[in-house]
């Protein structure tokens, strides 16, 4: 960007949408003083932008890519001074209902495995957050990962969502969790390989 262009761009940014030249409330040369707070149609003020995300949500499970996503999200949260929200979605096997025929012990074993995974992930996230000095919220949900990540992201007002890339071959054709989150168009989504 040349200096002349930078000067014009700066002048355009500094000119307000408020009173016109000669109507008062402007500075020298008819330009209003820049203010990061802008009034909406109802007259309330809101912030035009922030210096980065304040809440970063990351979906974790015990896969390699989700652990990389967790590390990436933790580093980003540390650099941005953001709160990190880790979400683990317990997803019972598709055979969960069929396991009822196998007996209560099979169902109990699966439940125990899901709870142990959640406890291990929570412990690892808390240790990492303590090391990095991060504010951490760890959420355990149950159900469809897309539905639960979307619900939690809305509840915590996430500014960014980070997930690991799917390692399942069929997702190239039918879409993955990451693709579904991107298509929702509600937050910036980062997919970590």
N, C-alpha and C. Protein backbone atom coordinates (compact mmCIF):
# COMPACT_ATOMS: atom_id res chain seq x y z
N UNK A 1 0.86 -1.17 0.00
CA UNK A 1 0.00 0.00 0.00
C UNK A 1 0.90 1.22 0.00
N UNK A 2 0.65 2.15 -0.92
CA UNK A 2 1.45 3.37 -0.98
C UNK A 2 1.00 4.33 0.10
N UNK A 3 1.88 5.31 0.39
CA UNK A 3 1.52 6.29 1.42
C UNK A 3 0.30 7.10 1.04
N UNK A 4 0.17 7.46 -0.25
CA UNK A 4 -1.00 8.23 -0.68
C UNK A 4 -2.28 7.42 -0.47
N UNK A 5 -2.22 6.14 -0.83
CA UNK A 5 -3.41 5.29 -0.65
C UNK A 5 -3.73 5.13 0.84
N UNK A 6 -2.69 4.94 1.66
CA UNK A 6 -2.91 4.78 3.09
C UNK A 6 -3.56 6.02 3.67
N UNK A 7 -3.15 7.20 3.21
CA UNK A 7 -3.75 8.44 3.69
C UNK A 7 -5.22 8.54 3.33
N UNK A 8 -5.57 8.18 2.08
CA UNK A 8 -6.97 8.22 1.65
C UNK A 8 -7.81 7.19 2.40
N UNK A 9 -7.26 5.98 2.56
CA UNK A 9 -8.00 4.94 3.27
C UNK A 9 -8.24 5.36 4.71
N UNK A 10 -7.23 5.94 5.33
CA UNK A 10 -7.37 6.40 6.70
C UNK A 10 -8.43 7.48 6.81
N UNK A 11 -8.44 8.41 5.83
CA UNK A 11 -9.44 9.48 5.85
C UNK A 11 -10.84 8.91 5.68
N UNK A 12 -11.00 7.91 4.82
CA UNK A 12 -12.31 7.31 4.64
C UNK A 12 -12.77 6.60 5.90
N UNK A 13 -11.84 5.95 6.58
CA UNK A 13 -12.20 5.27 7.82
C UNK A 13 -12.54 6.25 8.93
N UNK A 14 -11.89 7.41 8.89
CA UNK A 14 -12.09 8.38 9.96
C UNK A 14 -13.36 9.19 9.76
N UNK A 15 -13.86 9.29 8.53
CA UNK A 15 -15.06 10.08 8.29
C UNK A 15 -16.25 9.31 8.86
N UNK A 16 -17.01 9.89 9.67
CA UNK A 16 -18.14 9.20 10.28
C UNK A 16 -19.38 9.22 9.41
N UNK A 17 -20.41 8.56 9.87
CA UNK A 17 -21.68 8.61 9.16
C UNK A 17 -22.62 9.56 9.90
N UNK A 18 -22.05 10.34 10.80
CA UNK A 18 -22.85 11.24 11.61
C UNK A 18 -23.05 12.59 10.95
N UNK A 19 -22.95 13.67 11.70
CA UNK A 19 -23.23 15.01 11.17
C UNK A 19 -22.33 15.34 9.98
N UNK A 20 -22.85 16.08 9.03
CA UNK A 20 -22.11 16.50 7.84
C UNK A 20 -21.27 17.72 8.18
N UNK A 21 -20.39 18.07 7.27
CA UNK A 21 -19.53 19.23 7.43
C UNK A 21 -20.37 20.45 7.77
N UNK A 22 -19.94 21.16 8.79
CA UNK A 22 -20.64 22.36 9.18
C UNK A 22 -21.80 22.10 10.15
N UNK A 23 -22.08 20.84 10.46
CA UNK A 23 -23.19 20.54 11.35
C UNK A 23 -22.73 20.34 12.80
N UNK A 24 -21.45 20.43 13.06
CA UNK A 24 -20.95 20.27 14.42
C UNK A 24 -20.52 18.84 14.70
N UNK A 25 -19.88 18.60 15.84
CA UNK A 25 -19.42 17.31 16.33
C UNK A 25 -18.31 16.71 15.50
N UNK A 26 -17.67 17.49 14.61
CA UNK A 26 -16.55 16.93 13.89
C UNK A 26 -15.28 17.68 14.27
N UNK A 27 -14.18 17.06 13.95
CA UNK A 27 -12.89 17.66 14.26
C UNK A 27 -12.44 18.58 13.13
N UNK A 28 -11.16 18.88 13.12
CA UNK A 28 -10.59 19.75 12.10
C UNK A 28 -10.79 19.14 10.72
N UNK A 29 -11.13 19.96 9.75
CA UNK A 29 -11.29 19.51 8.37
C UNK A 29 -12.60 18.78 8.12
N UNK A 30 -13.53 18.83 9.04
CA UNK A 30 -14.84 18.21 8.82
C UNK A 30 -14.88 16.71 9.09
N UNK A 31 -13.83 16.15 9.66
CA UNK A 31 -13.81 14.72 9.94
C UNK A 31 -14.11 14.46 11.40
N UNK A 32 -14.89 13.41 11.63
CA UNK A 32 -15.20 13.01 13.01
C UNK A 32 -14.03 12.23 13.58
N UNK A 33 -13.89 12.27 14.87
CA UNK A 33 -12.86 11.49 15.53
C UNK A 33 -13.28 10.02 15.50
N UNK A 34 -12.34 9.15 15.16
CA UNK A 34 -12.64 7.72 15.08
C UNK A 34 -12.95 7.19 16.45
N UNK A 35 -13.97 6.36 16.53
CA UNK A 35 -14.36 5.72 17.78
C UNK A 35 -14.71 4.28 17.44
N UNK A 36 -14.17 3.33 18.18
CA UNK A 36 -14.42 1.92 17.87
C UNK A 36 -15.84 1.50 18.22
N UNK A 37 -16.54 2.28 19.01
CA UNK A 37 -17.93 1.95 19.32
C UNK A 37 -18.82 2.59 18.26
N UNK A 38 -19.72 1.83 17.71
CA UNK A 38 -20.61 2.31 16.66
C UNK A 38 -22.03 2.14 17.16
N UNK A 39 -22.89 3.06 16.85
CA UNK A 39 -24.28 2.96 17.27
C UNK A 39 -25.07 2.16 16.24
N UNK A 40 -25.91 1.26 16.71
CA UNK A 40 -26.77 0.53 15.78
C UNK A 40 -28.04 1.35 15.55
N UNK A 41 -28.97 0.81 14.78
CA UNK A 41 -30.18 1.54 14.39
C UNK A 41 -31.00 1.96 15.61
N UNK A 42 -30.97 1.18 16.68
CA UNK A 42 -31.74 1.52 17.87
C UNK A 42 -30.99 2.49 18.78
N UNK A 43 -29.78 2.84 18.44
CA UNK A 43 -29.04 3.81 19.23
C UNK A 43 -28.14 3.20 20.29
N UNK A 44 -28.15 1.88 20.46
CA UNK A 44 -27.28 1.24 21.42
C UNK A 44 -25.88 1.10 20.84
N UNK A 45 -24.87 1.08 21.67
CA UNK A 45 -23.50 0.96 21.19
C UNK A 45 -23.06 -0.49 21.20
N UNK A 46 -22.27 -0.87 20.23
CA UNK A 46 -21.64 -2.17 20.22
C UNK A 46 -20.23 -2.00 19.72
N UNK A 47 -19.38 -2.95 20.03
CA UNK A 47 -17.99 -2.84 19.65
C UNK A 47 -17.83 -3.29 18.21
N UNK A 48 -17.11 -2.50 17.43
CA UNK A 48 -16.91 -2.79 16.02
C UNK A 48 -16.06 -4.04 15.84
N UNK A 49 -15.16 -4.29 16.71
CA UNK A 49 -14.31 -5.47 16.60
C UNK A 49 -13.49 -5.65 17.85
N UNK A 50 -12.92 -6.81 18.00
CA UNK A 50 -12.06 -7.05 19.15
C UNK A 50 -10.69 -7.42 18.63
N UNK A 51 -9.78 -7.59 19.52
CA UNK A 51 -8.42 -7.92 19.14
C UNK A 51 -8.22 -9.40 18.91
N UNK A 52 -9.26 -10.16 18.78
CA UNK A 52 -9.15 -11.59 18.55
C UNK A 52 -10.24 -12.32 19.29
N UNK A 53 -10.25 -13.63 19.13
CA UNK A 53 -11.29 -14.42 19.78
C UNK A 53 -11.15 -14.40 21.30
N UNK A 54 -12.28 -14.36 21.98
CA UNK A 54 -12.27 -14.40 23.44
C UNK A 54 -12.65 -15.78 23.96
N UNK A 55 -13.38 -16.55 23.16
CA UNK A 55 -13.76 -17.92 23.53
C UNK A 55 -13.47 -18.82 22.33
N UNK A 56 -12.60 -19.80 22.54
CA UNK A 56 -12.25 -20.75 21.50
C UNK A 56 -12.75 -22.12 21.93
N UNK A 57 -13.54 -22.73 21.07
CA UNK A 57 -14.09 -24.05 21.35
C UNK A 57 -13.34 -25.07 20.51
N UNK A 58 -12.96 -26.17 21.13
CA UNK A 58 -12.29 -27.25 20.41
C UNK A 58 -12.99 -28.57 20.73
N UNK A 59 -13.26 -29.33 19.68
CA UNK A 59 -13.83 -30.66 19.85
C UNK A 59 -12.71 -31.66 20.01
N UNK A 60 -12.77 -32.46 21.07
CA UNK A 60 -11.72 -33.45 21.32
C UNK A 60 -12.32 -34.83 21.49
N UNK A 61 -11.55 -35.81 21.09
CA UNK A 61 -11.82 -37.21 21.40
C UNK A 61 -10.44 -37.84 21.53
N UNK A 62 -10.33 -39.13 21.43
CA UNK A 62 -8.99 -39.71 21.62
C UNK A 62 -8.27 -39.96 20.29
N UNK A 63 -8.69 -39.29 19.20
CA UNK A 63 -8.00 -39.46 17.92
C UNK A 63 -6.77 -38.56 17.84
N UNK A 64 -5.85 -38.94 16.99
CA UNK A 64 -4.61 -38.17 16.81
C UNK A 64 -4.92 -36.76 16.34
N UNK A 65 -5.82 -36.62 15.36
CA UNK A 65 -6.09 -35.28 14.82
C UNK A 65 -6.81 -34.39 15.84
N UNK A 66 -7.66 -34.97 16.68
CA UNK A 66 -8.33 -34.12 17.67
C UNK A 66 -7.34 -33.68 18.75
N UNK A 67 -6.38 -34.51 19.06
CA UNK A 67 -5.37 -34.11 20.03
C UNK A 67 -4.50 -32.99 19.46
N UNK A 68 -4.19 -33.06 18.16
CA UNK A 68 -3.48 -31.95 17.51
C UNK A 68 -4.32 -30.69 17.53
N UNK A 69 -5.63 -30.85 17.28
CA UNK A 69 -6.53 -29.69 17.31
C UNK A 69 -6.55 -29.08 18.71
N UNK A 70 -6.56 -29.93 19.74
CA UNK A 70 -6.53 -29.43 21.11
C UNK A 70 -5.26 -28.64 21.40
N UNK A 71 -4.13 -29.14 20.94
CA UNK A 71 -2.86 -28.44 21.14
C UNK A 71 -2.84 -27.11 20.39
N UNK A 72 -3.35 -27.13 19.16
CA UNK A 72 -3.42 -25.91 18.36
C UNK A 72 -4.33 -24.88 19.05
N UNK A 73 -5.49 -25.33 19.50
CA UNK A 73 -6.44 -24.43 20.16
C UNK A 73 -5.86 -23.86 21.45
N UNK A 74 -5.14 -24.69 22.20
CA UNK A 74 -4.52 -24.21 23.45
C UNK A 74 -3.48 -23.13 23.15
N UNK A 75 -2.66 -23.35 22.14
CA UNK A 75 -1.67 -22.34 21.76
C UNK A 75 -2.33 -21.05 21.31
N UNK A 76 -3.38 -21.17 20.51
CA UNK A 76 -4.10 -19.99 20.04
C UNK A 76 -4.75 -19.25 21.21
N UNK A 77 -5.36 -19.99 22.12
CA UNK A 77 -5.98 -19.37 23.30
C UNK A 77 -4.93 -18.66 24.15
N UNK A 78 -3.77 -19.26 24.31
CA UNK A 78 -2.70 -18.63 25.10
C UNK A 78 -2.25 -17.33 24.45
N UNK A 79 -2.03 -17.38 23.13
CA UNK A 79 -1.55 -16.17 22.43
C UNK A 79 -2.60 -15.07 22.41
N UNK A 80 -3.87 -15.43 22.33
CA UNK A 80 -4.95 -14.45 22.24
C UNK A 80 -5.50 -14.04 23.61
N UNK A 81 -5.10 -14.74 24.65
CA UNK A 81 -5.65 -14.45 25.97
C UNK A 81 -7.12 -14.85 26.06
N UNK A 82 -7.48 -15.92 25.35
CA UNK A 82 -8.88 -16.36 25.26
C UNK A 82 -9.15 -17.51 26.23
N UNK A 83 -10.42 -17.71 26.49
CA UNK A 83 -10.86 -18.86 27.29
C UNK A 83 -10.98 -20.04 26.34
N UNK A 84 -10.53 -21.21 26.78
CA UNK A 84 -10.59 -22.42 25.98
C UNK A 84 -11.71 -23.31 26.49
N UNK A 85 -12.58 -23.72 25.57
CA UNK A 85 -13.67 -24.63 25.91
C UNK A 85 -13.43 -25.93 25.14
N UNK A 86 -13.12 -27.00 25.86
CA UNK A 86 -12.92 -28.31 25.25
C UNK A 86 -14.21 -29.10 25.38
N UNK A 87 -14.66 -29.69 24.28
CA UNK A 87 -15.90 -30.46 24.29
C UNK A 87 -15.61 -31.88 23.84
N UNK A 88 -15.95 -32.83 24.70
CA UNK A 88 -15.86 -34.25 24.35
C UNK A 88 -17.29 -34.77 24.25
N UNK A 89 -17.63 -35.34 23.12
CA UNK A 89 -18.97 -35.86 22.93
C UNK A 89 -18.92 -37.38 23.01
N UNK A 90 -19.55 -37.91 24.04
CA UNK A 90 -19.67 -39.36 24.16
C UNK A 90 -20.64 -39.83 23.11
N UNK A 91 -20.19 -40.77 22.32
CA UNK A 91 -21.03 -41.28 21.25
C UNK A 91 -21.10 -42.79 21.37
N UNK A 92 -22.19 -43.29 21.93
CA UNK A 92 -22.30 -44.75 22.05
C UNK A 92 -22.24 -45.40 20.67
N UNK A 93 -21.68 -46.57 20.62
CA UNK A 93 -21.55 -47.31 19.37
C UNK A 93 -22.91 -47.53 18.73
N UNK A 94 -22.91 -47.64 17.41
CA UNK A 94 -24.15 -47.94 16.69
C UNK A 94 -24.71 -49.29 17.14
N UNK A 95 -23.86 -50.11 17.68
CA UNK A 95 -24.28 -51.43 18.15
C UNK A 95 -24.83 -51.36 19.58
N UNK A 96 -24.94 -50.13 20.12
CA UNK A 96 -25.38 -49.95 21.50
C UNK A 96 -26.73 -50.62 21.76
N UNK A 97 -27.68 -50.38 20.86
CA UNK A 97 -29.00 -50.99 21.03
C UNK A 97 -28.94 -52.49 20.88
N UNK A 98 -28.12 -52.98 19.93
CA UNK A 98 -27.99 -54.41 19.71
C UNK A 98 -27.30 -55.08 20.90
N UNK A 99 -26.49 -54.30 21.62
CA UNK A 99 -25.78 -54.85 22.76
C UNK A 99 -26.74 -55.23 23.88
N UNK A 100 -27.95 -54.66 23.84
CA UNK A 100 -28.92 -55.01 24.88
C UNK A 100 -29.21 -56.50 24.85
N UNK A 101 -29.16 -57.09 23.64
CA UNK A 101 -29.35 -58.53 23.54
C UNK A 101 -28.18 -59.29 24.12
N UNK A 102 -27.01 -58.68 24.11
CA UNK A 102 -25.81 -59.32 24.64
C UNK A 102 -25.78 -59.25 26.16
N UNK A 103 -26.59 -58.39 26.73
CA UNK A 103 -26.66 -58.32 28.18
C UNK A 103 -26.23 -56.98 28.72
N UNK A 104 -26.58 -56.78 29.96
CA UNK A 104 -26.29 -55.53 30.64
C UNK A 104 -24.79 -55.32 30.83
N UNK A 105 -24.03 -56.40 30.90
CA UNK A 105 -22.58 -56.26 31.11
C UNK A 105 -21.91 -55.59 29.92
N UNK A 106 -22.37 -55.87 28.70
CA UNK A 106 -21.80 -55.23 27.51
C UNK A 106 -22.09 -53.74 27.51
N UNK A 107 -23.31 -53.36 27.89
CA UNK A 107 -23.68 -51.95 27.95
C UNK A 107 -22.87 -51.25 29.04
N UNK A 108 -22.73 -51.88 30.18
CA UNK A 108 -21.96 -51.29 31.29
C UNK A 108 -20.50 -51.12 30.91
N UNK A 109 -19.94 -52.08 30.17
CA UNK A 109 -18.54 -51.97 29.75
C UNK A 109 -18.35 -50.80 28.80
N UNK A 110 -19.30 -50.61 27.89
CA UNK A 110 -19.20 -49.49 26.96
C UNK A 110 -19.32 -48.15 27.70
N UNK A 111 -20.25 -48.06 28.63
CA UNK A 111 -20.42 -46.85 29.43
C UNK A 111 -19.15 -46.54 30.21
N UNK A 112 -18.55 -47.57 30.80
CA UNK A 112 -17.32 -47.40 31.56
C UNK A 112 -16.19 -46.88 30.67
N UNK A 113 -16.08 -47.43 29.46
CA UNK A 113 -15.04 -46.99 28.53
C UNK A 113 -15.23 -45.53 28.13
N UNK A 114 -16.47 -45.12 27.88
CA UNK A 114 -16.74 -43.72 27.52
C UNK A 114 -16.39 -42.78 28.67
N UNK A 115 -16.75 -43.17 29.89
CA UNK A 115 -16.46 -42.32 31.06
C UNK A 115 -14.96 -42.24 31.33
N UNK A 116 -14.24 -43.34 31.13
CA UNK A 116 -12.79 -43.33 31.32
C UNK A 116 -12.12 -42.43 30.29
N UNK A 117 -12.57 -42.50 29.06
CA UNK A 117 -12.02 -41.64 28.01
C UNK A 117 -12.25 -40.17 28.37
N UNK A 118 -13.46 -39.84 28.81
CA UNK A 118 -13.77 -38.47 29.20
C UNK A 118 -12.88 -38.01 30.36
N UNK A 119 -12.68 -38.87 31.35
CA UNK A 119 -11.85 -38.52 32.50
C UNK A 119 -10.40 -38.31 32.09
N UNK A 120 -9.88 -39.18 31.22
CA UNK A 120 -8.50 -39.03 30.74
C UNK A 120 -8.32 -37.73 29.95
N UNK A 121 -9.28 -37.43 29.07
CA UNK A 121 -9.19 -36.19 28.28
C UNK A 121 -9.30 -34.97 29.17
N UNK A 122 -10.19 -35.00 30.16
CA UNK A 122 -10.32 -33.88 31.08
C UNK A 122 -9.02 -33.66 31.85
N UNK A 123 -8.43 -34.74 32.35
CA UNK A 123 -7.19 -34.65 33.11
C UNK A 123 -6.07 -34.04 32.24
N UNK A 124 -5.96 -34.54 31.01
CA UNK A 124 -4.92 -34.04 30.11
C UNK A 124 -5.15 -32.56 29.77
N UNK A 125 -6.40 -32.17 29.52
CA UNK A 125 -6.71 -30.77 29.19
C UNK A 125 -6.42 -29.86 30.38
N UNK A 126 -6.79 -30.30 31.58
CA UNK A 126 -6.55 -29.48 32.77
C UNK A 126 -5.07 -29.30 33.05
N UNK A 127 -4.28 -30.37 32.85
CA UNK A 127 -2.83 -30.26 33.05
C UNK A 127 -2.22 -29.29 32.05
N UNK A 128 -2.63 -29.40 30.78
CA UNK A 128 -2.12 -28.49 29.75
C UNK A 128 -2.52 -27.05 30.02
N UNK A 129 -3.76 -26.84 30.44
CA UNK A 129 -4.23 -25.49 30.74
C UNK A 129 -3.47 -24.89 31.92
N UNK A 130 -3.21 -25.72 32.91
CA UNK A 130 -2.46 -25.24 34.08
C UNK A 130 -1.04 -24.85 33.68
N UNK A 131 -0.42 -25.67 32.83
CA UNK A 131 0.94 -25.37 32.35
C UNK A 131 0.99 -24.06 31.57
N UNK A 132 -0.04 -23.82 30.74
CA UNK A 132 -0.05 -22.63 29.89
C UNK A 132 -0.72 -21.43 30.54
N UNK A 133 -1.32 -21.61 31.70
CA UNK A 133 -2.00 -20.51 32.37
C UNK A 133 -3.30 -20.12 31.67
N UNK A 134 -4.04 -21.11 31.17
CA UNK A 134 -5.28 -20.86 30.43
C UNK A 134 -6.50 -21.03 31.31
N UNK A 135 -7.53 -20.26 31.00
CA UNK A 135 -8.85 -20.50 31.57
C UNK A 135 -9.48 -21.61 30.74
N UNK A 136 -9.89 -22.69 31.37
CA UNK A 136 -10.40 -23.85 30.66
C UNK A 136 -11.76 -24.26 31.19
N UNK A 137 -12.65 -24.59 30.26
CA UNK A 137 -13.91 -25.22 30.59
C UNK A 137 -13.95 -26.52 29.82
N UNK A 138 -14.18 -27.63 30.52
CA UNK A 138 -14.24 -28.94 29.86
C UNK A 138 -15.69 -29.41 29.94
N UNK A 139 -16.26 -29.70 28.77
CA UNK A 139 -17.67 -30.10 28.70
C UNK A 139 -17.75 -31.51 28.15
N UNK A 140 -18.52 -32.35 28.84
CA UNK A 140 -18.80 -33.70 28.34
C UNK A 140 -20.26 -33.71 27.92
N UNK A 141 -20.49 -34.03 26.65
CA UNK A 141 -21.85 -34.09 26.13
C UNK A 141 -22.08 -35.50 25.59
N UNK A 142 -23.31 -35.79 25.25
CA UNK A 142 -23.64 -37.12 24.74
C UNK A 142 -24.56 -36.97 23.55
N UNK A 143 -24.24 -37.66 22.45
CA UNK A 143 -25.10 -37.62 21.27
C UNK A 143 -24.31 -37.44 20.00
N UNK A 144 -24.90 -36.74 19.04
CA UNK A 144 -24.28 -36.47 17.75
C UNK A 144 -23.25 -35.36 17.92
N UNK A 145 -21.99 -35.59 17.52
CA UNK A 145 -20.95 -34.57 17.71
C UNK A 145 -21.29 -33.21 17.10
N UNK A 146 -21.84 -33.19 15.89
CA UNK A 146 -22.19 -31.92 15.25
C UNK A 146 -23.23 -31.17 16.08
N UNK A 147 -24.28 -31.84 16.46
CA UNK A 147 -25.35 -31.20 17.21
C UNK A 147 -24.85 -30.68 18.55
N UNK A 148 -24.04 -31.46 19.23
CA UNK A 148 -23.55 -31.06 20.55
C UNK A 148 -22.51 -29.95 20.47
N UNK A 149 -21.59 -30.02 19.50
CA UNK A 149 -20.62 -28.93 19.35
C UNK A 149 -21.33 -27.62 19.01
N UNK A 150 -22.30 -27.71 18.14
CA UNK A 150 -23.05 -26.51 17.77
C UNK A 150 -23.79 -25.94 18.98
N UNK A 151 -24.43 -26.80 19.76
CA UNK A 151 -25.17 -26.36 20.95
C UNK A 151 -24.23 -25.68 21.95
N UNK A 152 -23.11 -26.32 22.24
CA UNK A 152 -22.18 -25.75 23.22
C UNK A 152 -21.56 -24.46 22.69
N UNK A 153 -21.22 -24.42 21.41
CA UNK A 153 -20.64 -23.20 20.82
C UNK A 153 -21.61 -22.03 20.95
N UNK A 154 -22.90 -22.29 20.75
CA UNK A 154 -23.89 -21.24 20.91
C UNK A 154 -24.03 -20.83 22.38
N UNK A 155 -24.01 -21.80 23.29
CA UNK A 155 -24.17 -21.50 24.72
C UNK A 155 -23.02 -20.65 25.25
N UNK A 156 -21.79 -20.97 24.84
CA UNK A 156 -20.63 -20.24 25.37
C UNK A 156 -20.26 -19.04 24.51
N UNK A 157 -21.03 -18.83 23.43
CA UNK A 157 -20.79 -17.73 22.49
C UNK A 157 -19.37 -17.80 21.93
N UNK A 158 -19.03 -18.95 21.38
CA UNK A 158 -17.69 -19.18 20.85
C UNK A 158 -17.40 -18.24 19.69
N UNK A 159 -16.17 -17.75 19.66
CA UNK A 159 -15.71 -16.89 18.58
C UNK A 159 -15.04 -17.70 17.48
N UNK A 160 -14.61 -18.92 17.80
CA UNK A 160 -13.95 -19.79 16.84
C UNK A 160 -14.15 -21.24 17.26
N UNK A 161 -14.22 -22.12 16.27
CA UNK A 161 -14.37 -23.55 16.53
C UNK A 161 -13.22 -24.27 15.83
N UNK A 162 -12.58 -25.17 16.55
CA UNK A 162 -11.44 -25.91 16.02
C UNK A 162 -11.71 -27.39 16.19
N UNK A 163 -11.52 -28.15 15.13
CA UNK A 163 -11.70 -29.60 15.17
C UNK A 163 -10.57 -30.26 14.40
N UNK A 164 -10.36 -31.54 14.69
CA UNK A 164 -9.40 -32.32 13.93
C UNK A 164 -10.03 -32.84 12.66
N UNK A 165 -9.22 -33.04 11.64
CA UNK A 165 -9.71 -33.60 10.38
C UNK A 165 -10.15 -35.03 10.60
N UNK A 166 -11.20 -35.41 9.90
CA UNK A 166 -11.71 -36.77 10.01
C UNK A 166 -10.74 -37.73 9.34
N UNK A 167 -10.55 -38.87 9.94
CA UNK A 167 -9.67 -39.88 9.37
C UNK A 167 -10.46 -41.01 8.74
N UNK A 168 -11.79 -40.86 8.65
CA UNK A 168 -12.63 -41.90 8.06
C UNK A 168 -12.74 -41.67 6.56
N UNK A 169 -12.51 -42.72 5.80
CA UNK A 169 -12.46 -42.62 4.34
C UNK A 169 -13.78 -42.14 3.74
N UNK A 170 -14.90 -42.57 4.24
CA UNK A 170 -16.19 -42.22 3.67
C UNK A 170 -16.53 -40.75 3.75
N UNK A 171 -15.86 -40.02 4.61
CA UNK A 171 -16.18 -38.61 4.80
C UNK A 171 -15.76 -37.76 3.60
N UNK A 172 -14.95 -38.30 2.70
CA UNK A 172 -14.60 -37.54 1.50
C UNK A 172 -15.82 -37.32 0.63
N UNK A 173 -16.76 -38.25 0.68
CA UNK A 173 -17.93 -38.17 -0.20
C UNK A 173 -19.19 -37.71 0.53
N UNK A 174 -19.36 -38.10 1.77
CA UNK A 174 -20.61 -37.76 2.45
C UNK A 174 -20.47 -36.60 3.42
N UNK A 175 -19.28 -36.10 3.63
CA UNK A 175 -19.09 -34.96 4.51
C UNK A 175 -18.72 -35.35 5.92
N UNK A 176 -17.89 -34.55 6.51
CA UNK A 176 -17.41 -34.82 7.86
C UNK A 176 -18.01 -33.81 8.84
N UNK A 177 -17.66 -33.98 10.09
CA UNK A 177 -18.07 -33.04 11.12
C UNK A 177 -17.59 -31.63 10.75
N UNK A 178 -16.35 -31.52 10.31
CA UNK A 178 -15.79 -30.21 9.96
C UNK A 178 -16.57 -29.55 8.83
N UNK A 179 -16.92 -30.33 7.82
CA UNK A 179 -17.68 -29.78 6.69
C UNK A 179 -19.05 -29.29 7.17
N UNK A 180 -19.69 -30.05 8.02
CA UNK A 180 -21.00 -29.65 8.55
C UNK A 180 -20.89 -28.37 9.38
N UNK A 181 -19.82 -28.24 10.17
CA UNK A 181 -19.64 -27.02 10.97
C UNK A 181 -19.38 -25.81 10.07
N UNK A 182 -18.58 -26.00 9.02
CA UNK A 182 -18.31 -24.90 8.10
C UNK A 182 -19.60 -24.47 7.40
N UNK A 183 -20.38 -25.44 6.96
CA UNK A 183 -21.64 -25.14 6.27
C UNK A 183 -22.64 -24.42 7.17
N UNK A 184 -22.54 -24.64 8.48
CA UNK A 184 -23.44 -23.93 9.40
C UNK A 184 -23.20 -22.43 9.32
N UNK A 185 -21.98 -22.01 9.01
CA UNK A 185 -21.67 -20.60 8.81
C UNK A 185 -21.84 -19.73 10.03
N UNK A 186 -21.69 -20.28 11.21
CA UNK A 186 -21.92 -19.51 12.43
C UNK A 186 -20.63 -19.01 13.08
N UNK A 187 -19.51 -19.67 12.81
CA UNK A 187 -18.23 -19.30 13.43
C UNK A 187 -17.14 -19.61 12.43
N UNK A 188 -15.97 -18.98 12.59
CA UNK A 188 -14.82 -19.44 11.82
C UNK A 188 -14.45 -20.83 12.30
N UNK A 189 -14.20 -21.75 11.40
CA UNK A 189 -13.86 -23.12 11.74
C UNK A 189 -12.47 -23.42 11.23
N UNK A 190 -11.62 -23.92 12.09
CA UNK A 190 -10.29 -24.35 11.69
C UNK A 190 -10.24 -25.87 11.80
N UNK A 191 -9.78 -26.50 10.72
CA UNK A 191 -9.65 -27.95 10.70
C UNK A 191 -8.16 -28.28 10.75
N UNK A 192 -7.75 -28.99 11.77
CA UNK A 192 -6.35 -29.32 11.97
C UNK A 192 -6.09 -30.75 11.44
N UNK A 193 -5.12 -30.91 10.54
CA UNK A 193 -4.83 -32.26 9.99
C UNK A 193 -4.19 -33.18 11.01
